[in-house]
Amino acid sequence: MAIDYHIIGQRIKEKRHGLKKTQEDLAEFLSVSVGYVSQIERGITKVNLDTLSKISIFLECDIADLLHSTSYQSNDYLNQEFSELILKLNDSNRKLAYEILYILLKSQ
């Protein structure tokens, strides 16, 4: 299983807004930079359990509220990643990727 840090970050941001707190307030509470808080809220930085615990104290919520339903099966993650990669290819490379996958599938 993998964890969707974008969802966690979005929940942190929503709860922070609900308390009318700023990123600066959270950064000061955590003794980190505002940029680091921004990265957490955008899901760029993988927040560790210790930091997440401190954030939940700041947000006056259970840590479970931030983590609930944020994990997904790794196959789902791979499917999503694969789809995003395919969409970034130009037409000729997309056709080539299709042909390679078709050959791989036939060889199973």
N, C-alpha and C. Protein backbone atom coordinates (compact mmCIF):
# COMPACT_ATOMS: atom_id res chain seq x y z
N MET A 1 0.82 -1.19 0.00
CA MET A 1 0.00 0.00 0.00
C MET A 1 0.87 1.25 0.00
N ALA A 2 0.34 2.28 -0.58
CA ALA A 2 1.04 3.56 -0.63
C ALA A 2 0.13 4.62 0.00
N ILE A 3 0.72 5.74 0.35
CA ILE A 3 -0.03 6.83 0.99
C ILE A 3 -0.10 8.00 0.03
N ASP A 4 -1.28 8.59 -0.08
CA ASP A 4 -1.47 9.75 -0.94
C ASP A 4 -1.22 11.01 -0.11
N TYR A 5 -0.03 11.56 -0.24
CA TYR A 5 0.35 12.74 0.55
C TYR A 5 -0.37 14.00 0.08
N HIS A 6 -0.89 13.98 -1.15
CA HIS A 6 -1.67 15.13 -1.63
C HIS A 6 -2.96 15.27 -0.82
N ILE A 7 -3.60 14.13 -0.53
CA ILE A 7 -4.84 14.16 0.26
C ILE A 7 -4.55 14.64 1.68
N ILE A 8 -3.48 14.12 2.27
CA ILE A 8 -3.11 14.55 3.62
C ILE A 8 -2.86 16.06 3.64
N GLY A 9 -2.10 16.54 2.67
CA GLY A 9 -1.81 17.97 2.59
C GLY A 9 -3.06 18.81 2.43
N GLN A 10 -3.98 18.33 1.60
CA GLN A 10 -5.24 19.05 1.39
C GLN A 10 -6.05 19.12 2.68
N ARG A 11 -6.08 18.02 3.43
CA ARG A 11 -6.81 18.01 4.70
C ARG A 11 -6.18 18.96 5.71
N ILE A 12 -4.86 18.99 5.74
CA ILE A 12 -4.17 19.92 6.65
C ILE A 12 -4.55 21.35 6.30
N LYS A 13 -4.51 21.67 5.02
CA LYS A 13 -4.84 23.02 4.56
C LYS A 13 -6.28 23.39 4.91
N GLU A 14 -7.21 22.47 4.65
CA GLU A 14 -8.62 22.74 4.93
C GLU A 14 -8.86 22.96 6.43
N LYS A 15 -8.27 22.10 7.25
CA LYS A 15 -8.45 22.24 8.70
C LYS A 15 -7.79 23.53 9.21
N ARG A 16 -6.64 23.87 8.64
CA ARG A 16 -5.96 25.10 9.03
C ARG A 16 -6.82 26.32 8.67
N HIS A 17 -7.39 26.30 7.46
CA HIS A 17 -8.27 27.40 7.06
C HIS A 17 -9.49 27.49 7.97
N GLY A 18 -10.03 26.31 8.35
CA GLY A 18 -11.18 26.28 9.24
C GLY A 18 -10.91 26.94 10.59
N LEU A 19 -9.67 26.86 11.03
CA LEU A 19 -9.27 27.50 12.29
C LEU A 19 -8.80 28.94 12.08
N LYS A 20 -8.85 29.39 10.82
CA LYS A 20 -8.39 30.74 10.45
C LYS A 20 -6.93 30.96 10.85
N LYS A 21 -6.14 29.92 10.62
CA LYS A 21 -4.70 29.99 10.89
C LYS A 21 -3.96 30.09 9.56
N THR A 22 -2.80 30.67 9.59
CA THR A 22 -1.99 30.83 8.38
C THR A 22 -0.90 29.76 8.32
N GLN A 23 -0.29 29.66 7.16
CA GLN A 23 0.87 28.78 7.03
C GLN A 23 1.99 29.26 7.96
N GLU A 24 2.08 30.56 8.13
CA GLU A 24 3.08 31.13 9.02
C GLU A 24 2.86 30.66 10.46
N ASP A 25 1.59 30.62 10.88
CA ASP A 25 1.27 30.15 12.23
C ASP A 25 1.71 28.70 12.42
N LEU A 26 1.39 27.87 11.44
CA LEU A 26 1.75 26.45 11.52
C LEU A 26 3.27 26.29 11.48
N ALA A 27 3.93 27.04 10.61
CA ALA A 27 5.39 26.95 10.50
C ALA A 27 6.05 27.34 11.83
N GLU A 28 5.55 28.39 12.45
CA GLU A 28 6.11 28.82 13.73
C GLU A 28 5.89 27.74 14.80
N PHE A 29 4.70 27.14 14.82
CA PHE A 29 4.40 26.08 15.79
C PHE A 29 5.33 24.89 15.61
N LEU A 30 5.62 24.55 14.35
CA LEU A 30 6.47 23.39 14.05
C LEU A 30 7.96 23.72 14.06
N SER A 31 8.28 25.00 14.13
CA SER A 31 9.67 25.47 14.03
C SER A 31 10.30 25.06 12.70
N VAL A 32 9.54 25.31 11.63
CA VAL A 32 10.01 25.03 10.27
C VAL A 32 9.72 26.25 9.40
N SER A 33 10.15 26.21 8.16
CA SER A 33 9.91 27.33 7.25
C SER A 33 8.49 27.27 6.68
N VAL A 34 8.02 28.41 6.24
CA VAL A 34 6.72 28.48 5.58
C VAL A 34 6.75 27.65 4.30
N GLY A 35 7.88 27.65 3.61
CA GLY A 35 8.03 26.85 2.39
C GLY A 35 7.83 25.37 2.65
N TYR A 36 8.32 24.91 3.79
CA TYR A 36 8.16 23.49 4.16
C TYR A 36 6.69 23.18 4.40
N VAL A 37 5.98 24.06 5.09
CA VAL A 37 4.54 23.87 5.32
C VAL A 37 3.81 23.85 3.99
N SER A 38 4.18 24.75 3.10
CA SER A 38 3.56 24.79 1.78
C SER A 38 3.78 23.47 1.03
N GLN A 39 4.98 22.94 1.11
CA GLN A 39 5.27 21.66 0.45
C GLN A 39 4.45 20.52 1.05
N ILE A 40 4.27 20.54 2.36
CA ILE A 40 3.44 19.51 3.01
C ILE A 40 2.01 19.62 2.49
N GLU A 41 1.48 20.83 2.46
CA GLU A 41 0.09 21.03 2.05
C GLU A 41 -0.14 20.72 0.57
N ARG A 42 0.89 20.83 -0.23
CA ARG A 42 0.76 20.49 -1.65
C ARG A 42 1.10 19.03 -1.93
N GLY A 43 1.48 18.29 -0.89
CA GLY A 43 1.78 16.87 -1.05
C GLY A 43 3.13 16.61 -1.67
N ILE A 44 3.98 17.61 -1.71
CA ILE A 44 5.30 17.46 -2.32
C ILE A 44 6.26 16.77 -1.34
N THR A 45 6.14 17.14 -0.06
CA THR A 45 6.98 16.57 0.97
C THR A 45 6.23 15.47 1.69
N LYS A 46 6.90 14.34 1.87
CA LYS A 46 6.31 13.23 2.62
C LYS A 46 6.50 13.52 4.10
N VAL A 47 5.42 13.88 4.75
CA VAL A 47 5.48 14.25 6.15
C VAL A 47 5.62 13.00 7.02
N ASN A 48 6.53 13.06 8.01
CA ASN A 48 6.72 11.90 8.88
C ASN A 48 5.69 11.91 10.01
N LEU A 49 5.61 10.79 10.72
CA LEU A 49 4.59 10.62 11.75
C LEU A 49 4.76 11.61 12.90
N ASP A 50 5.98 11.92 13.27
CA ASP A 50 6.22 12.87 14.35
C ASP A 50 5.68 14.25 13.98
N THR A 51 5.99 14.70 12.77
CA THR A 51 5.51 16.00 12.31
C THR A 51 4.00 15.99 12.17
N LEU A 52 3.46 14.90 11.66
CA LEU A 52 2.01 14.79 11.50
C LEU A 52 1.31 14.85 12.85
N SER A 53 1.92 14.26 13.86
CA SER A 53 1.37 14.31 15.22
C SER A 53 1.34 15.75 15.73
N LYS A 54 2.41 16.49 15.50
CA LYS A 54 2.47 17.89 15.92
C LYS A 54 1.44 18.73 15.16
N ILE A 55 1.28 18.44 13.88
CA ILE A 55 0.29 19.16 13.07
C ILE A 55 -1.11 18.91 13.60
N SER A 56 -1.40 17.66 13.97
CA SER A 56 -2.73 17.33 14.49
C SER A 56 -3.00 18.07 15.81
N ILE A 57 -1.97 18.26 16.62
CA ILE A 57 -2.13 19.04 17.85
C ILE A 57 -2.45 20.49 17.50
N PHE A 58 -1.72 21.06 16.56
CA PHE A 58 -1.95 22.43 16.12
C PHE A 58 -3.37 22.59 15.57
N LEU A 59 -3.82 21.59 14.81
CA LEU A 59 -5.13 21.65 14.16
C LEU A 59 -6.27 21.20 15.07
N GLU A 60 -5.91 20.78 16.29
CA GLU A 60 -6.90 20.35 17.28
C GLU A 60 -7.76 19.21 16.75
N CYS A 61 -7.10 18.22 16.15
CA CYS A 61 -7.80 17.07 15.60
C CYS A 61 -6.99 15.80 15.87
N ASP A 62 -7.63 14.68 15.67
CA ASP A 62 -6.92 13.40 15.78
C ASP A 62 -6.06 13.20 14.54
N ILE A 63 -4.96 12.55 14.72
CA ILE A 63 -4.09 12.23 13.59
C ILE A 63 -4.84 11.36 12.58
N ALA A 64 -5.77 10.55 13.08
CA ALA A 64 -6.57 9.68 12.21
C ALA A 64 -7.41 10.50 11.23
N ASP A 65 -7.84 11.69 11.65
CA ASP A 65 -8.62 12.55 10.75
C ASP A 65 -7.81 12.94 9.51
N LEU A 66 -6.52 13.06 9.68
CA LEU A 66 -5.65 13.44 8.56
C LEU A 66 -5.29 12.25 7.69
N LEU A 67 -5.27 11.06 8.30
CA LEU A 67 -4.82 9.86 7.59
C LEU A 67 -5.94 9.01 7.01
N HIS A 68 -7.16 9.19 7.48
CA HIS A 68 -8.28 8.34 7.06
C HIS A 68 -8.43 8.30 5.54
N SER A 69 -8.46 7.09 5.01
CA SER A 69 -8.68 6.83 3.57
C SER A 69 -7.65 7.52 2.67
N THR A 70 -6.40 7.55 3.11
CA THR A 70 -5.36 8.16 2.27
C THR A 70 -4.45 7.12 1.63
N SER A 71 -4.66 5.86 1.97
CA SER A 71 -3.82 4.83 1.37
C SER A 71 -4.55 4.19 0.20
N TYR A 72 -3.81 3.67 -0.73
CA TYR A 72 -4.39 3.01 -1.88
C TYR A 72 -3.49 1.86 -2.28
N GLN A 73 -4.07 0.94 -2.99
CA GLN A 73 -3.31 -0.22 -3.43
C GLN A 73 -2.23 0.23 -4.41
N SER A 74 -1.07 -0.37 -4.31
CA SER A 74 0.03 0.03 -5.17
C SER A 74 -0.30 -0.18 -6.65
N ASN A 75 -1.13 -1.16 -6.97
CA ASN A 75 -1.53 -1.36 -8.37
C ASN A 75 -2.32 -0.17 -8.88
N ASP A 76 -3.21 0.38 -8.03
CA ASP A 76 -3.96 1.56 -8.42
C ASP A 76 -3.00 2.72 -8.70
N TYR A 77 -2.01 2.84 -7.85
CA TYR A 77 -1.02 3.90 -8.01
C TYR A 77 -0.25 3.71 -9.32
N LEU A 78 0.18 2.47 -9.58
CA LEU A 78 0.92 2.20 -10.81
C LEU A 78 0.07 2.47 -12.04
N ASN A 79 -1.19 2.10 -11.99
CA ASN A 79 -2.08 2.36 -13.12
C ASN A 79 -2.21 3.85 -13.39
N GLN A 80 -2.36 4.62 -12.33
CA GLN A 80 -2.47 6.06 -12.48
C GLN A 80 -1.18 6.66 -13.04
N GLU A 81 -0.05 6.24 -12.47
CA GLU A 81 1.24 6.74 -12.94
C GLU A 81 1.47 6.37 -14.40
N PHE A 82 1.14 5.14 -14.74
CA PHE A 82 1.33 4.67 -16.11
C PHE A 82 0.48 5.50 -17.07
N SER A 83 -0.76 5.74 -16.72
CA SER A 83 -1.64 6.54 -17.57
C SER A 83 -1.08 7.94 -17.78
N GLU A 84 -0.59 8.54 -16.70
CA GLU A 84 -0.04 9.89 -16.81
C GLU A 84 1.20 9.92 -17.70
N LEU A 85 2.04 8.89 -17.60
CA LEU A 85 3.24 8.83 -18.44
C LEU A 85 2.87 8.67 -19.91
N ILE A 86 1.92 7.79 -20.19
CA ILE A 86 1.50 7.56 -21.57
C ILE A 86 0.96 8.85 -22.20
N LEU A 87 0.19 9.59 -21.43
CA LEU A 87 -0.40 10.83 -21.95
C LEU A 87 0.65 11.89 -22.27
N LYS A 88 1.81 11.80 -21.66
CA LYS A 88 2.88 12.77 -21.92
C LYS A 88 3.65 12.47 -23.20
N LEU A 89 3.49 11.26 -23.73
CA LEU A 89 4.22 10.88 -24.95
C LEU A 89 3.61 11.52 -26.18
N ASN A 90 4.46 11.79 -27.18
CA ASN A 90 3.91 12.24 -28.46
C ASN A 90 3.29 11.03 -29.16
N ASP A 91 2.58 11.28 -30.26
CA ASP A 91 1.82 10.21 -30.92
C ASP A 91 2.69 9.03 -31.36
N SER A 92 3.85 9.31 -31.93
CA SER A 92 4.67 8.20 -32.43
C SER A 92 5.23 7.37 -31.28
N ASN A 93 5.64 8.02 -30.21
CA ASN A 93 6.15 7.27 -29.05
C ASN A 93 5.03 6.53 -28.32
N ARG A 94 3.83 7.10 -28.33
CA ARG A 94 2.69 6.41 -27.72
C ARG A 94 2.39 5.13 -28.49
N LYS A 95 2.47 5.20 -29.81
CA LYS A 95 2.24 4.00 -30.63
C LYS A 95 3.33 2.96 -30.36
N LEU A 96 4.57 3.41 -30.23
CA LEU A 96 5.67 2.51 -29.92
C LEU A 96 5.47 1.84 -28.55
N ALA A 97 5.05 2.62 -27.56
CA ALA A 97 4.79 2.07 -26.23
C ALA A 97 3.68 1.02 -26.30
N TYR A 98 2.66 1.30 -27.08
CA TYR A 98 1.57 0.34 -27.26
C TYR A 98 2.09 -0.96 -27.86
N GLU A 99 2.91 -0.84 -28.89
CA GLU A 99 3.44 -2.04 -29.55
C GLU A 99 4.32 -2.86 -28.60
N ILE A 100 5.12 -2.19 -27.80
CA ILE A 100 5.97 -2.89 -26.83
C ILE A 100 5.11 -3.62 -25.80
N LEU A 101 4.09 -2.93 -25.30
CA LEU A 101 3.20 -3.57 -24.33
C LEU A 101 2.45 -4.75 -24.94
N TYR A 102 2.05 -4.60 -26.17
CA TYR A 102 1.34 -5.69 -26.86
C TYR A 102 2.24 -6.92 -26.96
N ILE A 103 3.50 -6.71 -27.31
CA ILE A 103 4.45 -7.83 -27.41
C ILE A 103 4.68 -8.46 -26.03
N LEU A 104 4.81 -7.63 -25.01
CA LEU A 104 4.98 -8.15 -23.65
C LEU A 104 3.78 -8.99 -23.22
N LEU A 105 2.61 -8.52 -23.54
CA LEU A 105 1.39 -9.23 -23.18
C LEU A 105 1.30 -10.57 -23.88
N LYS A 106 1.67 -10.61 -25.15
CA LYS A 106 1.63 -11.86 -25.90
C LYS A 106 2.65 -12.87 -25.38
N SER A 107 3.74 -12.40 -24.80
CA SER A 107 4.79 -13.31 -24.35
C SER A 107 4.52 -13.87 -22.95
N GLN A 108 3.47 -13.45 -22.31
CA GLN A 108 3.16 -13.96 -20.96
C GLN A 108 2.61 -15.37 -21.00
